[in-house]
Amino acid sequence: VRTVLETSMAGRAARQGQVRYEVVDIRDFSVDKHRTVDDTAYGGGAGMIMMAPPVVEAVEACRGREDATVILTSPQGETFDEDLTLELLADLEEKRELILVCGHYKGIDERARELVVTRELSVGDYVLSGGELPALVVTDAIVRRLEGVLHNEESAANDSFTARRDGGLDCEWFTKPPVYRGLEVPEVLLSGHHAKIEAWRNERAAGRTRQRRPDLVPDERDGDEPAGD
């Protein structure tokens, strides 16, 4: 986790003093010599459960304010998307604190959720071995949107799922050389005609969204309801 937070945009944000990371080992809050943080589930069943005391006490130890947002990464959480990224970015800028709890094993004791977790987020409909990767996904998505982290913030404005793309996918992009293995860059992109280029990109982005993610197309999301004027 620390290595990832020291590289790319996450690392740049830290070096620029825009964010500070603290990685906390929940085992440090275990109460036995074996540093145990999990046990079998009451009622039986396969899989180990993270115990409430070390989770709760770890959060309380690093929480600087009572109203801090405490996120548990979990396949049971709400789906993390661009809207949530911007919401959590605003939350971070206001409160200056964001805590991510990385689940492990079968899950965590429900009492830990009730006592300290304020939000659960899922990065997709699949299960991972632990919450570290989802926590890094959430962190990167938020931190790269902090002002000054990207060299050119205009690039983020054209990303997939942004308002400029109407919540849909981005278009395809090309760079040098103009011809590679017989494949040419579309002529319009070499024309220097900015209005035509923008129109081409918007059209390609919309087409790619309809083809690959029809669930993101407003008409598809709204079913048979007619589009507004």
Protein backbone atom coordinates (compact mmCIF):
# COMPACT_ATOMS: atom_id res chain seq x y z
CA VAL A 1 0.00 0.00 0.00
CA ARG A 2 2.72 2.47 0.95
CA THR A 3 4.61 1.86 -2.28
CA VAL A 4 1.56 2.65 -4.41
CA LEU A 5 0.84 5.81 -2.41
CA GLU A 6 4.37 7.03 -3.13
CA THR A 7 4.06 6.77 -6.92
CA SER A 8 2.18 8.43 -9.78
CA MET A 9 -0.53 10.98 -8.97
CA ALA A 10 -0.98 9.81 -5.39
CA GLY A 11 2.71 10.33 -4.73
CA ARG A 12 2.77 13.69 -6.47
CA ALA A 13 -0.11 14.96 -4.34
CA ALA A 14 1.80 13.97 -1.20
CA ARG A 15 5.06 15.55 -2.38
CA GLN A 16 3.23 18.77 -3.18
CA GLY A 17 1.79 18.82 0.33
CA GLN A 18 -1.81 18.53 -0.82
CA VAL A 19 -2.46 15.31 1.05
CA ARG A 20 -0.82 13.20 3.73
CA TYR A 21 -1.26 9.45 4.01
CA GLU A 22 -1.12 7.37 7.14
CA VAL A 23 -1.18 3.58 6.84
CA VAL A 24 -2.37 1.91 10.05
CA ASP A 25 -1.90 -1.79 10.80
CA ILE A 26 -5.00 -3.07 12.57
CA ARG A 27 -2.89 -5.81 14.16
CA ASP A 28 -1.28 -3.11 16.29
CA PHE A 29 -4.62 -2.93 18.10
CA SER A 30 -4.87 -6.62 18.89
CA VAL A 31 -4.92 -7.52 22.57
CA ASP A 32 -2.97 -10.81 22.49
CA LYS A 33 0.64 -11.73 21.81
CA HIS A 34 -0.28 -13.37 18.51
CA ARG A 35 -1.74 -10.05 17.23
CA THR A 36 -5.02 -11.79 16.43
CA VAL A 37 -7.62 -9.72 14.59
CA ASP A 38 -10.02 -12.43 13.37
CA ASP A 39 -12.05 -15.32 14.75
CA THR A 40 -14.70 -17.83 13.72
CA ALA A 41 -18.24 -16.67 13.09
CA TYR A 42 -20.96 -17.03 15.70
CA GLY A 43 -23.59 -19.41 14.34
CA GLY A 44 -21.02 -21.35 12.34
CA GLY A 45 -20.11 -21.17 8.71
CA ALA A 46 -16.92 -21.10 6.69
CA GLY A 47 -14.55 -18.16 6.77
CA MET A 48 -13.04 -15.95 9.43
CA ILE A 49 -14.46 -12.64 10.63
CA MET A 50 -12.47 -9.55 11.56
CA MET A 51 -13.11 -8.75 15.22
CA ALA A 52 -14.79 -5.49 16.19
CA PRO A 53 -12.38 -4.26 18.93
CA PRO A 54 -9.20 -3.87 16.83
CA VAL A 55 -11.12 -2.34 13.91
CA VAL A 56 -12.99 0.16 16.07
CA GLU A 57 -9.96 1.10 18.14
CA ALA A 58 -7.77 1.54 15.06
CA VAL A 59 -10.29 3.94 13.54
CA GLU A 60 -10.71 5.85 16.79
CA ALA A 61 -6.94 6.17 17.19
CA CYS A 62 -6.40 7.78 13.81
CA ARG A 63 -9.66 9.74 13.59
CA GLY A 64 -8.93 13.42 14.09
CA ARG A 65 -12.54 14.60 14.18
CA GLU A 66 -15.80 13.00 15.19
CA ASP A 67 -17.51 13.70 11.88
CA ALA A 68 -14.73 12.17 9.77
CA THR A 69 -15.91 10.06 6.85
CA VAL A 70 -14.99 6.42 7.51
CA ILE A 71 -15.28 4.21 4.45
CA LEU A 72 -15.33 0.42 4.49
CA THR A 73 -14.48 -1.19 1.16
CA SER A 74 -16.95 -4.02 0.74
CA PRO A 75 -18.77 -5.88 -2.07
CA GLN A 76 -21.95 -5.02 -0.16
CA GLY A 77 -21.39 -1.27 -0.49
CA GLU A 78 -22.75 1.27 -2.94
CA THR A 79 -20.97 1.21 -6.29
CA PHE A 80 -18.07 3.64 -6.47
CA ASP A 81 -18.34 5.87 -9.54
CA GLU A 82 -17.43 9.34 -10.81
CA ASP A 83 -20.27 11.03 -8.93
CA LEU A 84 -19.09 9.49 -5.67
CA THR A 85 -15.52 10.49 -6.50
CA LEU A 86 -16.52 14.14 -6.72
CA GLU A 87 -18.69 13.86 -3.61
CA LEU A 88 -15.83 12.40 -1.58
CA LEU A 89 -13.41 14.93 -3.04
CA ALA A 90 -15.61 17.74 -1.72
CA ASP A 91 -15.89 15.92 1.59
CA LEU A 92 -12.10 15.62 1.83
CA GLU A 93 -11.57 19.27 0.98
CA GLU A 94 -14.06 20.30 3.66
CA LYS A 95 -13.10 17.95 6.51
CA ARG A 96 -9.44 17.40 5.57
CA GLU A 97 -9.76 13.78 6.66
CA LEU A 98 -10.85 10.54 5.03
CA ILE A 99 -10.42 7.10 6.59
CA LEU A 100 -10.58 3.90 4.56
CA VAL A 101 -10.98 0.58 6.36
CA CYS A 102 -9.70 -2.42 4.40
CA GLY A 103 -11.81 -5.47 5.09
CA HIS A 104 -10.34 -8.97 5.00
CA TYR A 105 -11.33 -12.60 5.38
CA LYS A 106 -15.08 -13.29 5.16
CA GLY A 107 -15.94 -9.84 6.45
CA ILE A 108 -15.90 -7.70 9.57
CA ASP A 109 -18.01 -7.89 12.71
CA GLU A 110 -21.21 -5.96 12.06
CA ARG A 111 -20.74 -4.04 15.30
CA ALA A 112 -17.63 -2.39 13.87
CA ARG A 113 -19.75 -1.14 10.97
CA GLU A 114 -22.35 0.25 13.34
CA LEU A 115 -19.85 1.97 15.62
CA VAL A 116 -17.39 3.65 13.25
CA VAL A 117 -18.19 3.09 9.56
CA THR A 118 -20.13 5.90 7.91
CA ARG A 119 -20.12 4.58 4.35
CA GLU A 120 -19.52 1.35 2.44
CA LEU A 121 -18.15 1.37 -1.10
CA SER A 122 -17.79 -1.38 -3.68
CA VAL A 123 -15.54 -1.13 -6.73
CA GLY A 124 -17.47 -3.79 -8.64
CA ASP A 125 -19.56 -6.91 -8.55
CA TYR A 126 -16.76 -9.29 -7.64
CA VAL A 127 -14.90 -10.36 -4.51
CA LEU A 128 -11.21 -9.73 -3.75
CA SER A 129 -8.97 -11.23 -1.09
CA GLY A 130 -8.83 -7.97 0.84
CA GLY A 131 -9.84 -4.33 0.82
CA GLU A 132 -6.40 -2.88 0.12
CA LEU A 133 -6.79 -2.75 -3.66
CA PRO A 134 -10.27 -1.15 -3.54
CA ALA A 135 -8.97 1.38 -0.99
CA LEU A 136 -6.16 2.33 -3.36
CA VAL A 137 -8.63 2.62 -6.24
CA VAL A 138 -10.79 5.01 -4.24
CA THR A 139 -7.76 7.00 -3.08
CA ASP A 140 -6.33 7.39 -6.57
CA ALA A 141 -9.66 8.41 -8.10
CA ILE A 142 -10.11 11.14 -5.49
CA VAL A 143 -6.55 12.43 -5.17
CA ARG A 144 -5.98 12.88 -8.91
CA ARG A 145 -8.86 15.35 -8.92
CA LEU A 146 -7.24 17.64 -6.35
CA GLU A 147 -6.32 20.94 -7.96
CA GLY A 148 -2.75 20.96 -9.24
CA VAL A 149 -2.15 17.20 -9.15
CA LEU A 150 -2.64 16.68 -12.88
CA HIS A 151 -0.36 18.76 -15.09
CA ASN A 152 -3.31 19.52 -17.35
CA GLU A 153 -6.66 19.38 -15.57
CA GLU A 154 -8.43 19.70 -18.92
CA SER A 155 -7.53 16.05 -19.56
CA ALA A 156 -9.65 14.96 -16.58
CA ALA A 157 -12.60 16.98 -17.85
CA ASN A 158 -12.72 14.76 -20.95
CA ASP A 159 -12.43 11.46 -19.10
CA SER A 160 -15.06 8.75 -19.24
CA PHE A 161 -18.08 9.30 -16.97
CA THR A 162 -17.56 13.08 -16.74
CA ALA A 163 -20.20 15.72 -17.41
CA ARG A 164 -18.52 16.67 -20.67
CA ARG A 165 -19.10 13.12 -21.85
CA ASP A 166 -22.67 13.17 -20.49
CA GLY A 167 -21.67 10.45 -18.05
CA GLY A 168 -20.64 8.16 -20.90
CA LEU A 169 -17.36 6.80 -22.21
CA ASP A 170 -14.47 8.72 -23.71
CA CYS A 171 -13.52 8.52 -27.39
CA GLU A 172 -10.43 6.83 -28.79
CA TRP A 173 -7.15 8.77 -28.86
CA PHE A 174 -4.06 8.72 -31.11
CA THR A 175 -0.48 10.01 -31.04
CA LYS A 176 2.64 9.73 -33.23
CA PRO A 177 3.41 8.13 -35.64
CA PRO A 178 0.59 9.03 -38.06
CA VAL A 179 0.78 5.55 -39.64
CA TYR A 180 1.67 2.34 -37.79
CA ARG A 181 1.54 -1.11 -39.38
CA GLY A 182 -0.84 0.19 -42.00
CA LEU A 183 -3.21 1.78 -39.48
CA GLU A 184 -3.67 5.50 -39.99
CA VAL A 185 -4.72 8.25 -37.62
CA PRO A 186 -8.19 9.53 -38.67
CA GLU A 187 -7.75 12.37 -41.12
CA VAL A 188 -9.92 14.79 -39.18
CA LEU A 189 -7.49 14.70 -36.24
CA LEU A 190 -4.70 15.93 -38.53
CA SER A 191 -6.80 18.70 -40.06
CA GLY A 192 -6.21 21.36 -37.41
CA HIS A 193 -9.93 22.21 -37.55
CA HIS A 194 -10.80 22.33 -33.85
CA ALA A 195 -14.59 22.43 -34.25
CA LYS A 196 -14.57 19.40 -36.54
CA ILE A 197 -12.20 17.55 -34.22
CA GLU A 198 -14.41 18.23 -31.21
CA ALA A 199 -17.52 17.12 -33.12
CA TRP A 200 -15.75 13.92 -34.23
CA ARG A 201 -14.65 13.13 -30.68
CA ASN A 202 -18.12 13.72 -29.28
CA GLU A 203 -19.67 11.50 -31.94
CA ARG A 204 -17.14 8.72 -31.37
CA ALA A 205 -17.56 8.91 -27.60
CA ALA A 206 -21.34 8.66 -27.91
CA GLY A 207 -21.05 5.73 -30.32
CA ARG A 208 -18.62 3.89 -28.09
CA THR A 209 -20.94 4.40 -25.12
CA ARG A 210 -23.94 3.03 -27.03
CA GLN A 211 -21.94 0.00 -28.16
CA ARG A 212 -20.09 -0.88 -24.96
CA ARG A 213 -22.16 0.62 -22.14
CA PRO A 214 -25.76 1.11 -23.27
CA ASP A 215 -26.72 1.38 -19.60
CA LEU A 216 -25.01 4.79 -19.59
CA VAL A 217 -27.09 6.17 -22.47
CA PRO A 218 -29.91 8.38 -21.09
CA ASP A 219 -32.57 6.92 -23.40
CA GLU A 220 -31.56 3.40 -22.35
CA ARG A 221 -31.54 4.28 -18.65
CA ASP A 222 -34.95 5.90 -18.84
CA GLY A 223 -36.60 3.02 -20.66
CA ASP A 224 -39.48 4.11 -22.88
CA GLU A 225 -39.75 7.58 -21.43
CA PRO A 226 -39.35 10.22 -24.15
CA ALA A 227 -36.35 12.51 -23.97
CA GLY A 228 -37.01 16.03 -22.75
CA ASP A 229 -36.92 19.07 -24.99
